[in-house]
Structure formats: C-alpha cells, structure tokens
PDB file of N, CA and C in Angstrom:
ATOM      1  N   MET A   1     -19.716 -15.928  19.783  1.00  0.00           N
ATOM      2  CA  MET A   1     -18.527 -15.178  19.991  1.00  0.00           C
ATOM      3  C   MET A   1     -17.318 -15.816  19.611  1.00  0.00           C
ATOM      4  N   LYS A   2     -17.238 -17.166  19.787  1.00  0.00           N
ATOM      5  CA  LYS A   2     -16.119 -17.906  19.353  1.00  0.00           C
ATOM      6  C   LYS A   2     -15.920 -17.803  17.792  1.00  0.00           C
ATOM      7  N   HIS A   3     -16.975 -17.927  17.058  1.00  0.00           N
ATOM      8  CA  HIS A   3     -16.921 -17.795  15.639  1.00  0.00           C
ATOM      9  C   HIS A   3     -16.394 -16.359  15.188  1.00  0.00           C
ATOM     10  N   PHE A   4     -16.806 -15.410  15.883  1.00  0.00           N
ATOM     11  CA  PHE A   4     -16.394 -14.038  15.575  1.00  0.00           C
ATOM     12  C   PHE A   4     -14.810 -13.903  15.622  1.00  0.00           C
ATOM     13  N   LEU A   5     -14.294 -14.435  16.809  1.00  0.00           N
ATOM     14  CA  LEU A   5     -12.931 -14.456  17.107  1.00  0.00           C
ATOM     15  C   LEU A   5     -12.157 -15.145  16.070  1.00  0.00           C
ATOM     16  N   GLU A   6     -12.701 -16.343  15.560  1.00  0.00           N
ATOM     17  CA  GLU A   6     -11.996 -17.233  14.618  1.00  0.00           C
ATOM     18  C   GLU A   6     -11.954 -16.390  13.312  1.00  0.00           C
ATOM     19  N   THR A   7     -12.924 -15.731  12.891  1.00  0.00           N
ATOM     20  CA  THR A   7     -12.853 -15.034  11.557  1.00  0.00           C
ATOM     21  C   THR A   7     -12.122 -13.788  11.717  1.00  0.00           C
ATOM     22  N   THR A   8     -12.042 -13.133  12.782  1.00  0.00           N
ATOM     23  CA  THR A   8     -11.276 -11.844  12.821  1.00  0.00           C
ATOM     24  C   THR A   8      -9.778 -12.119  12.855  1.00  0.00           C
ATOM     25  N   GLN A   9      -9.348 -13.351  13.287  1.00  0.00           N
ATOM     26  CA  GLN A   9      -7.932 -13.695  13.248  1.00  0.00           C
ATOM     27  C   GLN A   9      -7.419 -13.804  11.832  1.00  0.00           C
ATOM     28  N   ASN A  10      -8.267 -13.992  10.864  1.00  0.00           N
ATOM     29  CA  ASN A  10      -7.776 -14.141   9.526  1.00  0.00           C
ATOM     30  C   ASN A  10      -7.482 -12.833   8.801  1.00  0.00           C
ATOM     31  N   TYR A  11      -7.743 -11.735   9.362  1.00  0.00           N
ATOM     32  CA  TYR A  11      -7.486 -10.398   8.874  1.00  0.00           C
ATOM     33  C   TYR A  11      -6.279  -9.672   9.528  1.00  0.00           C
ATOM     34  N   ILE A  12      -5.501  -8.915   8.789  1.00  0.00           N
ATOM     35  CA  ILE A  12      -4.378  -8.246   9.302  1.00  0.00           C
ATOM     36  C   ILE A  12      -4.811  -6.835   9.437  1.00  0.00           C
ATOM     37  N   ASN A  13      -4.552  -6.244  10.701  1.00  0.00           N
ATOM     38  CA  ASN A  13      -4.918  -4.871  10.963  1.00  0.00           C
ATOM     39  C   ASN A  13      -3.782  -3.977  10.325  1.00  0.00           C
ATOM     40  N   LYS A  14      -4.238  -3.057   9.566  1.00  0.00           N
ATOM     41  CA  LYS A  14      -3.201  -2.106   8.830  1.00  0.00           C
ATOM     42  C   LYS A  14      -2.393  -1.425   9.865  1.00  0.00           C
ATOM     43  N   PHE A  15      -3.060  -1.047  10.946  1.00  0.00           N
ATOM     44  CA  PHE A  15      -2.284  -0.266  11.952  1.00  0.00           C
ATOM     45  C   PHE A  15      -1.182  -1.118  12.550  1.00  0.00           C
ATOM     46  N   ASP A  16      -1.456  -2.396  12.756  1.00  0.00           N
ATOM     47  CA  ASP A  16      -0.463  -3.383  13.215  1.00  0.00           C
ATOM     48  C   ASP A  16       0.663  -3.510  12.230  1.00  0.00           C
ATOM     49  N   LEU A  17       0.410  -3.493  10.822  1.00  0.00           N
ATOM     50  CA  LEU A  17       1.454  -3.580   9.918  1.00  0.00           C
ATOM     51  C   LEU A  17       2.268  -2.271   9.881  1.00  0.00           C
ATOM     52  N   PHE A  18       1.622  -1.193  10.147  1.00  0.00           N
ATOM     53  CA  PHE A  18       2.389   0.071  10.220  1.00  0.00           C
ATOM     54  C   PHE A  18       3.287   0.122  11.435  1.00  0.00           C
ATOM     55  N   GLN A  19       2.863  -0.481  12.503  1.00  0.00           N
ATOM     56  CA  GLN A  19       3.610  -0.458  13.780  1.00  0.00           C
ATOM     57  C   GLN A  19       4.777  -1.486  13.642  1.00  0.00           C
ATOM     58  N   LEU A  20       4.815  -2.361  12.793  1.00  0.00           N
ATOM     59  CA  LEU A  20       5.898  -3.350  12.589  1.00  0.00           C
ATOM     60  C   LEU A  20       7.111  -2.601  12.204  1.00  0.00           C
ATOM     61  N   ARG A  21       7.025  -1.386  11.619  1.00  0.00           N
ATOM     62  CA  ARG A  21       8.269  -0.673  11.182  1.00  0.00           C
ATOM     63  C   ARG A  21       9.066  -0.423  12.469  1.00  0.00           C
ATOM     64  N   TRP A  22       8.431  -0.173  13.663  1.00  0.00           N
ATOM     65  CA  TRP A  22       9.193   0.367  14.802  1.00  0.00           C
ATOM     66  C   TRP A  22       9.376  -0.666  15.860  1.00  0.00           C
ATOM     67  N   THR A  23       9.124  -1.866  15.644  1.00  0.00           N
ATOM     68  CA  THR A  23       9.375  -2.948  16.572  1.00  0.00           C
ATOM     69  C   THR A  23      10.683  -3.457  16.620  1.00  0.00           C
ATOM     70  N   ASN A  24      11.031  -4.304  17.466  1.00  0.00           N
ATOM     71  CA  ASN A  24      12.345  -4.964  17.472  1.00  0.00           C
ATOM     72  C   ASN A  24      12.616  -5.887  16.258  1.00  0.00           C
ATOM     73  N   MET A  25      13.771  -6.079  15.841  1.00  0.00           N
ATOM     74  CA  MET A  25      14.056  -6.856  14.833  1.00  0.00           C
ATOM     75  C   MET A  25      13.895  -8.358  15.201  1.00  0.00           C
ATOM     76  N   VAL A  26      13.365  -9.226  14.301  1.00  0.00           N
ATOM     77  CA  VAL A  26      13.270 -10.585  14.578  1.00  0.00           C
ATOM     78  C   VAL A  26      14.034 -11.361  13.434  1.00  0.00           C
ATOM     79  N   GLN A  27      14.821 -12.351  13.816  1.00  0.00           N
ATOM     80  CA  GLN A  27      15.548 -13.083  12.836  1.00  0.00           C
ATOM     81  C   GLN A  27      14.648 -14.310  12.356  1.00  0.00           C
ATOM     82  N   ALA A  28      14.631 -14.504  11.111  1.00  0.00           N
ATOM     83  CA  ALA A  28      13.845 -15.579  10.539  1.00  0.00           C
ATOM     84  C   ALA A  28      14.581 -16.343   9.423  1.00  0.00           C
ATOM     85  N   LEU A  29      14.348 -17.609   9.351  1.00  0.00           N
ATOM     86  CA  LEU A  29      14.831 -18.348   8.361  1.00  0.00           C
ATOM     87  C   LEU A  29      13.638 -18.709   7.425  1.00  0.00           C
ATOM     88  N   ILE A  30      13.625 -18.305   6.187  1.00  0.00           N
ATOM     89  CA  ILE A  30      12.555 -18.390   5.320  1.00  0.00           C
ATOM     90  C   ILE A  30      12.970 -19.176   3.930  1.00  0.00           C
ATOM     91  N   GLU A  31      12.053 -19.919   3.413  1.00  0.00           N
ATOM     92  CA  GLU A  31      12.137 -20.507   2.054  1.00  0.00           C
ATOM     93  C   GLU A  31      11.551 -19.674   1.065  1.00  0.00           C
ATOM     94  N   LEU A  32      12.369 -19.416  -0.004  1.00  0.00           N
ATOM     95  CA  LEU A  32      11.764 -18.669  -1.137  1.00  0.00           C
ATOM     96  C   LEU A  32      11.819 -19.500  -2.367  1.00  0.00           C
ATOM     97  N   ASP A  33      10.842 -19.308  -3.245  1.00  0.00           N
ATOM     98  CA  ASP A  33      10.849 -19.944  -4.459  1.00  0.00           C
ATOM     99  C   ASP A  33      11.736 -19.121  -5.340  1.00  0.00           C
ATOM    100  N   GLU A  34      12.138 -19.731  -6.563  1.00  0.00           N
ATOM    101  CA  GLU A  34      13.111 -19.034  -7.508  1.00  0.00           C
ATOM    102  C   GLU A  34      12.625 -17.594  -7.921  1.00  0.00           C
ATOM    103  N   ASN A  35      11.337 -17.513  -8.183  1.00  0.00           N
ATOM    104  CA  ASN A  35      10.826 -16.193  -8.704  1.00  0.00           C
ATOM    105  C   ASN A  35      10.952 -15.158  -7.619  1.00  0.00           C
ATOM    106  N   THR A  36      10.537 -15.474  -6.379  1.00  0.00           N
ATOM    107  CA  THR A  36      10.536 -14.521  -5.308  1.00  0.00           C
ATOM    108  C   THR A  36      12.017 -14.167  -4.973  1.00  0.00           C
ATOM    109  N   ASN A  37      12.860 -15.143  -5.061  1.00  0.00           N
ATOM    110  CA  ASN A  37      14.346 -14.822  -4.798  1.00  0.00           C
ATOM    111  C   ASN A  37      14.838 -13.887  -5.911  1.00  0.00           C
ATOM    112  N   ARG A  38      14.429 -14.078  -7.108  1.00  0.00           N
ATOM    113  CA  ARG A  38      14.956 -13.223  -8.206  1.00  0.00           C
ATOM    114  C   ARG A  38      14.356 -11.843  -8.057  1.00  0.00           C
ATOM    115  N   VAL A  39      13.091 -11.713  -7.635  1.00  0.00           N
ATOM    116  CA  VAL A  39      12.560 -10.367  -7.401  1.00  0.00           C
ATOM    117  C   VAL A  39      13.211  -9.669  -6.335  1.00  0.00           C
ATOM    118  N   LEU A  40      13.525 -10.316  -5.250  1.00  0.00           N
ATOM    119  CA  LEU A  40      14.107  -9.765  -4.117  1.00  0.00           C
ATOM    120  C   LEU A  40      15.490  -9.329  -4.510  1.00  0.00           C
ATOM    121  N   ASN A  41      16.224 -10.037  -5.413  1.00  0.00           N
ATOM    122  CA  ASN A  41      17.589  -9.691  -5.867  1.00  0.00           C
ATOM    123  C   ASN A  41      17.425  -8.431  -6.721  1.00  0.00           C
ATOM    124  N   VAL A  42      16.431  -8.282  -7.516  1.00  0.00           N
ATOM    125  CA  VAL A  42      16.303  -7.093  -8.366  1.00  0.00           C
ATOM    126  C   VAL A  42      15.952  -5.888  -7.522  1.00  0.00           C
ATOM    127  N   VAL A  43      15.145  -6.081  -6.473  1.00  0.00           N
ATOM    128  CA  VAL A  43      14.812  -4.906  -5.559  1.00  0.00           C
ATOM    129  C   VAL A  43      16.134  -4.506  -4.825  1.00  0.00           C
ATOM    130  N   LYS A  44      16.784  -5.486  -4.328  1.00  0.00           N
ATOM    131  CA  LYS A  44      18.072  -5.246  -3.692  1.00  0.00           C
ATOM    132  C   LYS A  44      19.080  -4.480  -4.622  1.00  0.00           C
ATOM    133  N   ALA A  45      19.191  -4.871  -5.814  1.00  0.00           N
ATOM    134  CA  ALA A  45      20.055  -4.194  -6.776  1.00  0.00           C
ATOM    135  C   ALA A  45      19.588  -2.746  -7.082  1.00  0.00           C
ATOM    136  N   LYS A  46      18.321  -2.663  -7.394  1.00  0.00           N
ATOM    137  CA  LYS A  46      17.709  -1.405  -7.841  1.00  0.00           C
ATOM    138  C   LYS A  46      17.747  -0.318  -6.796  1.00  0.00           C
ATOM    139  N   PHE A  47      17.688  -0.668  -5.530  1.00  0.00           N
ATOM    140  CA  PHE A  47      17.618   0.236  -4.515  1.00  0.00           C
ATOM    141  C   PHE A  47      18.974   0.305  -3.706  1.00  0.00           C
ATOM    142  N   ASP A  48      19.924  -0.406  -4.223  1.00  0.00           N
ATOM    143  CA  ASP A  48      21.342  -0.540  -3.658  1.00  0.00           C
ATOM    144  C   ASP A  48      21.285  -0.811  -2.123  1.00  0.00           C
ATOM    145  N   LEU A  49      20.525  -1.958  -1.833  1.00  0.00           N
ATOM    146  CA  LEU A  49      20.494  -2.420  -0.482  1.00  0.00           C
ATOM    147  C   LEU A  49      21.519  -3.457  -0.150  1.00  0.00           C
ATOM    148  N   LYS A  50      21.807  -3.524   1.144  1.00  0.00           N
ATOM    149  CA  LYS A  50      22.927  -4.445   1.499  1.00  0.00           C
ATOM    150  C   LYS A  50      22.604  -5.956   1.537  1.00  0.00           C
ATOM    151  N   ASP A  51      21.296  -6.197   1.723  1.00  0.00           N
ATOM    152  CA  ASP A  51      20.948  -7.602   1.967  1.00  0.00           C
ATOM    153  C   ASP A  51      19.509  -7.823   1.569  1.00  0.00           C
ATOM    154  N   LYS A  52      19.115  -9.089   1.372  1.00  0.00           N
ATOM    155  CA  LYS A  52      17.683  -9.360   1.120  1.00  0.00           C
ATOM    156  C   LYS A  52      16.730  -9.011   2.228  1.00  0.00           C
ATOM    157  N   GLY A  53      17.203  -8.974   3.450  1.00  0.00           N
ATOM    158  CA  GLY A  53      16.411  -8.548   4.577  1.00  0.00           C
ATOM    159  C   GLY A  53      15.950  -7.054   4.412  1.00  0.00           C
ATOM    160  N   ASP A  54      16.837  -6.227   3.965  1.00  0.00           N
ATOM    161  CA  ASP A  54      16.443  -4.920   3.605  1.00  0.00           C
ATOM    162  C   ASP A  54      15.444  -4.873   2.455  1.00  0.00           C
ATOM    163  N   ALA A  55      15.631  -5.744   1.439  1.00  0.00           N
ATOM    164  CA  ALA A  55      14.766  -5.844   0.235  1.00  0.00           C
ATOM    165  C   ALA A  55      13.425  -6.109   0.800  1.00  0.00           C
ATOM    166  N   ILE A  56      13.279  -7.155   1.629  1.00  0.00           N
ATOM    167  CA  ILE A  56      11.951  -7.614   2.276  1.00  0.00           C
ATOM    168  C   ILE A  56      11.366  -6.472   2.972  1.00  0.00           C
ATOM    169  N   LYS A  57      12.111  -5.741   3.813  1.00  0.00           N
ATOM    170  CA  LYS A  57      11.501  -4.641   4.510  1.00  0.00           C
ATOM    171  C   LYS A  57      10.947  -3.498   3.633  1.00  0.00           C
ATOM    172  N   LEU A  58      11.742  -3.298   2.607  1.00  0.00           N
ATOM    173  CA  LEU A  58      11.176  -2.286   1.566  1.00  0.00           C
ATOM    174  C   LEU A  58       9.960  -2.715   0.928  1.00  0.00           C
ATOM    175  N   VAL A  59       9.871  -4.017   0.550  1.00  0.00           N
ATOM    176  CA  VAL A  59       8.626  -4.494  -0.143  1.00  0.00           C
ATOM    177  C   VAL A  59       7.453  -4.428   0.735  1.00  0.00           C
ATOM    178  N   VAL A  60       7.657  -4.839   2.119  1.00  0.00           N
ATOM    179  CA  VAL A  60       6.541  -4.677   3.020  1.00  0.00           C
ATOM    180  C   VAL A  60       6.202  -3.240   3.280  1.00  0.00           C
ATOM    181  N   GLU A  61       7.108  -2.414   3.333  1.00  0.00           N
ATOM    182  CA  GLU A  61       6.723  -0.913   3.516  1.00  0.00           C
ATOM    183  C   GLU A  61       5.938  -0.428   2.376  1.00  0.00           C
ATOM    184  N   LYS A  62       6.406  -0.813   1.128  1.00  0.00           N
ATOM    185  CA  LYS A  62       5.646  -0.382   0.029  1.00  0.00           C
ATOM    186  C   LYS A  62       4.157  -0.978  -0.022  1.00  0.00           C
ATOM    187  N   PHE A  63       4.129  -2.210   0.381  1.00  0.00           N
ATOM    188  CA  PHE A  63       2.783  -2.764   0.394  1.00  0.00           C
ATOM    189  C   PHE A  63       1.944  -2.167   1.471  1.00  0.00           C
ATOM    190  N   VAL A  64       2.400  -1.730   2.628  1.00  0.00           N
ATOM    191  CA  VAL A  64       1.631  -1.028   3.569  1.00  0.00           C
ATOM    192  C   VAL A  64       1.198   0.273   3.094  1.00  0.00           C
ATOM    193  N   ASP A  65       2.148   1.043   2.404  1.00  0.00           N
ATOM    194  CA  ASP A  65       1.738   2.277   1.803  1.00  0.00           C
ATOM    195  C   ASP A  65       0.714   2.129   0.790  1.00  0.00           C
ATOM    196  N   TYR A  66       0.825   1.138  -0.082  1.00  0.00           N
ATOM    197  CA  TYR A  66      -0.160   0.859  -1.122  1.00  0.00           C
ATOM    198  C   TYR A  66      -1.489   0.432  -0.618  1.00  0.00           C
ATOM    199  N   GLU A  67      -1.601  -0.248   0.522  1.00  0.00           N
ATOM    200  CA  GLU A  67      -2.868  -0.766   1.040  1.00  0.00           C
ATOM    201  C   GLU A  67      -3.570   0.219   1.791  1.00  0.00           C
ATOM    202  N   ASN A  68      -2.848   1.331   2.293  1.00  0.00           N
ATOM    203  CA  ASN A  68      -3.548   2.366   2.949  1.00  0.00           C
ATOM    204  C   ASN A  68      -4.596   2.981   2.189  1.00  0.00           C
ATOM    205  N   GLU A  69      -5.676   3.433   2.883  1.00  0.00           N
ATOM    206  CA  GLU A  69      -6.779   4.090   2.130  1.00  0.00           C
ATOM    207  C   GLU A  69      -6.273   5.321   1.447  1.00  0.00           C
ATOM    208  N   PRO A  70      -6.703   5.575   0.257  1.00  0.00           N
ATOM    209  CA  PRO A  70      -6.111   6.724  -0.432  1.00  0.00           C
ATOM    210  C   PRO A  70      -6.517   8.084   0.352  1.00  0.00           C
ATOM    211  N   GLU A  71      -7.639   8.054   1.050  1.00  0.00           N
ATOM    212  CA  GLU A  71      -8.007   9.219   1.846  1.00  0.00           C
ATOM    213  C   GLU A  71      -7.042   9.560   2.966  1.00  0.00           C
ATOM    214  N   LEU A  72      -6.229   8.625   3.322  1.00  0.00           N
ATOM    215  CA  LEU A  72      -5.271   8.822   4.465  1.00  0.00           C
ATOM    216  C   LEU A  72      -3.934   9.308   3.864  1.00  0.00           C
ATOM    217  N   ARG A  73      -3.669   9.219   2.623  1.00  0.00           N
ATOM    218  CA  ARG A  73      -2.353   9.650   2.076  1.00  0.00           C
ATOM    219  C   ARG A  73      -2.292  11.113   1.934  1.00  0.00           C
ATOM    220  N   LEU A  74      -1.057  11.704   2.204  1.00  0.00           N
ATOM    221  CA  LEU A  74      -1.024  13.179   2.086  1.00  0.00           C
ATOM    222  C   LEU A  74      -1.192  13.614   0.638  1.00  0.00           C
ATOM    223  N   ASP A  75      -0.607  12.831  -0.342  1.00  0.00           N
ATOM    224  CA  ASP A  75      -0.738  13.257  -1.781  1.00  0.00           C
ATOM    225  C   ASP A  75      -2.180  13.368  -2.250  1.00  0.00           C
ATOM    226  N   PHE A  76      -3.111  12.541  -1.715  1.00  0.00           N
ATOM    227  CA  PHE A  76      -4.457  12.535  -1.995  1.00  0.00           C
ATOM    228  C   PHE A  76      -5.162  13.739  -1.407  1.00  0.00           C
ATOM    229  N   ILE A  77      -4.806  14.204  -0.167  1.00  0.00           N
ATOM    230  CA  ILE A  77      -5.442  15.267   0.402  1.00  0.00           C
ATOM    231  C   ILE A  77      -4.961  16.484  -0.177  1.00  0.00           C
ATOM    232  N   GLN A  78      -3.757  16.618  -0.687  1.00  0.00           N
ATOM    233  CA  GLN A  78      -3.294  17.738  -1.437  1.00  0.00           C
ATOM    234  C   GLN A  78      -4.115  17.888  -2.817  1.00  0.00           C
ATOM    235  N   LYS A  79      -4.112  16.867  -3.509  1.00  0.00           N
ATOM    236  CA  LYS A  79      -4.886  16.791  -4.803  1.00  0.00           C
ATOM    237  C   LYS A  79      -6.367  17.271  -4.558  1.00  0.00           C
ATOM    238  N   PHE A  80      -6.979  16.705  -3.531  1.00  0.00           N
ATOM    239  CA  PHE A  80      -8.420  16.986  -3.191  1.00  0.00           C
ATOM    240  C   PHE A  80      -8.506  18.538  -2.875  1.00  0.00           C
ATOM    241  N   ASN A  81      -7.598  19.070  -2.120  1.00  0.00           N
ATOM    242  CA  ASN A  81      -7.609  20.480  -1.770  1.00  0.00           C
ATOM    243  C   ASN A  81      -7.464  21.381  -3.021  1.00  0.00           C
ATOM    244  N   GLU A  82      -6.573  20.883  -3.982  1.00  0.00           N
ATOM    245  CA  GLU A  82      -6.406  21.639  -5.235  1.00  0.00           C
ATOM    246  C   GLU A  82      -7.618  21.607  -6.111  1.00  0.00           C
ATOM    247  N   MET A  83      -8.301  20.516  -6.189  1.00  0.00           N
ATOM    248  CA  MET A  83      -9.527  20.275  -6.895  1.00  0.00           C
ATOM    249  C   MET A  83     -10.624  21.203  -6.383  1.00  0.00           C
ATOM    250  N   GLN A  84     -10.713  21.378  -5.036  1.00  0.00           N
ATOM    251  CA  GLN A  84     -11.807  22.188  -4.439  1.00  0.00           C
ATOM    252  C   GLN A  84     -11.570  23.618  -4.857  1.00  0.00           C
ATOM    253  N   LYS A  85     -10.452  24.054  -5.039  1.00  0.00           N
ATOM    254  CA  LYS A  85     -10.121  25.451  -5.440  1.00  0.00           C
ATOM    255  C   LYS A  85     -10.568  25.697  -6.908  1.00  0.00           C
ATOM    256  N   LYS A  86     -10.568  24.751  -7.766  1.00  0.00           N
ATOM    257  CA  LYS A  86     -10.824  24.985  -9.105  1.00  0.00           C
ATOM    258  C   LYS A  86     -12.255  25.421  -9.337  1.00  0.00           C
ATOM    259  N   LYS A  87     -12.516  26.202 -10.454  1.00  0.00           N
ATOM    260  CA  LYS A  87     -13.770  26.601 -10.770  1.00  0.00           C
ATOM    261  C   LYS A  87     -14.599  25.398 -11.332  1.00  0.00           C
ATOM    262  N   THR A  88     -15.841  25.313 -11.018  1.00  0.00           N
ATOM    263  CA  THR A  88     -16.760  24.242 -11.366  1.00  0.00           C
ATOM    264  C   THR A  88     -17.851  24.731 -12.317  1.00  0.00           C
ATOM    265  N   ILE A  89     -18.404  23.922 -13.100  1.00  0.00           N
ATOM    266  CA  ILE A  89     -19.481  24.118 -14.018  1.00  0.00           C
ATOM    267  C   ILE A  89     -20.628  23.162 -13.743  1.00  0.00           C
ATOM    268  N   LYS A  90     -21.830  23.625 -14.004  1.00  0.00           N
ATOM    269  CA  LYS A  90     -22.971  22.708 -13.843  1.00  0.00           C
ATOM    270  C   LYS A  90     -23.262  21.985 -15.195  1.00  0.00           C
ATOM    271  N   VAL A  91     -23.370  20.708 -15.103  1.00  0.00           N
ATOM    272  CA  VAL A  91     -23.618  19.846 -16.297  1.00  0.00           C
ATOM    273  C   VAL A  91     -24.935  19.137 -16.050  1.00  0.00           C
ATOM    274  N   ASP A  92     -25.949  19.337 -16.897  1.00  0.00           N
ATOM    275  CA  ASP A  92     -27.177  18.749 -16.769  1.00  0.00           C
ATOM    276  C   ASP A  92     -27.111  17.282 -17.368  1.00  0.00           C
ATOM    277  N   ASP A  93     -26.566  17.100 -18.512  1.00  0.00           N
ATOM    278  CA  ASP A  93     -26.509  15.818 -19.205  1.00  0.00           C
ATOM    279  C   ASP A  93     -25.063  15.544 -19.595  1.00  0.00           C
ATOM    280  N   PHE A  94     -24.320  14.731 -18.686  1.00  0.00           N
ATOM    281  CA  PHE A  94     -22.875  14.580 -18.913  1.00  0.00           C
ATOM    282  C   PHE A  94     -22.708  13.781 -20.123  1.00  0.00           C
ATOM    283  N   ALA A  95     -23.477  12.773 -20.483  1.00  0.00           N
ATOM    284  CA  ALA A  95     -23.241  11.995 -21.679  1.00  0.00           C
ATOM    285  C   ALA A  95     -23.398  12.829 -22.929  1.00  0.00           C
ATOM    286  N   LYS A  96     -24.419  13.783 -22.937  1.00  0.00           N
ATOM    287  CA  LYS A  96     -24.647  14.555 -24.069  1.00  0.00           C
ATOM    288  C   LYS A  96     -23.476  15.610 -24.238  1.00  0.00           C
ATOM    289  N   ARG A  97     -23.122  16.189 -23.110  1.00  0.00           N
ATOM    290  CA  ARG A  97     -22.070  17.225 -23.211  1.00  0.00           C
ATOM    291  C   ARG A  97     -20.779  16.687 -23.701  1.00  0.00           C
ATOM    292  N   TYR A  98     -20.286  15.456 -23.417  1.00  0.00           N
ATOM    293  CA  TYR A  98     -19.155  14.830 -23.760  1.00  0.00           C
ATOM    294  C   TYR A  98     -19.205  13.785 -24.887  1.00  0.00           C
ATOM    295  N   GLY A  99     -20.366  13.840 -25.513  1.00  0.00           N
ATOM    296  CA  GLY A  99     -20.484  12.955 -26.729  1.00  0.00           C
ATOM    297  C   GLY A  99     -20.462  11.534 -26.498  1.00  0.00           C
ATOM    298  N   LEU A 100     -21.062  11.027 -25.324  1.00  0.00           N
ATOM    299  CA  LEU A 100     -21.056   9.680 -24.987  1.00  0.00           C
ATOM    300  C   LEU A 100     -22.276   8.856 -25.369  1.00  0.00           C
ATOM    301  N   ASN A 101     -23.158   9.498 -26.095  1.00  0.00           N
ATOM    302  CA  ASN A 101     -24.397   8.873 -26.506  1.00  0.00           C
ATOM    303  C   ASN A 101     -24.203   7.796 -27.526  1.00  0.00           C
TER     304      ASN A 101
END
C-alpha cells in the first residue's frame, strides 16, 4: 500500500487542476529562465494582460483545457453529433476504394 501511495503522488488529478481556478489566490515568488520570461511577456502583450501573474493563469487554463480528454469538450460532442447525422456508405476494401494499394 505504501508503494501505491508513493506512485500516485507523482500524478496530477485533472479535476484538481480544474478546481484551482476557483480557489483562493496564493502569492509566490518564482524564478524564471530567460525563455520562459520572454514567453510570458509575449502572452501578456498578446492578450493585453496587466501582469505576468495573469499570463501564468492564462497559460495554466489553456493547459488544463488542452489536457482534458477530447470526449469531454463541448466542441468534440458537437462534431460527433453532426457526424452521426451524415449519410454513411459501406466500404468493403478501404485501401482499394481510395487507391492506397
């Protein structure tokens, strides 16, 4: 059991990341390398954010959205529903039909 707990602590629960959006603010002093600092400045300028803290929040939110399973995203569900409405055809030999031989 101890080994199981040690290994599970290495993973981040996506639900916990999602909940971070609504928790209290925490102040942190962080060290950034030049490249990371430059990227945050670009994000800050591109999205007209007031400080790097907002840029970090935006990057984390985009990461959480990116990491979510596609089946859980609304755009995926809409595309899937549209595909189900389309007419289908039966294909016996896919490679032959589309010249992939």
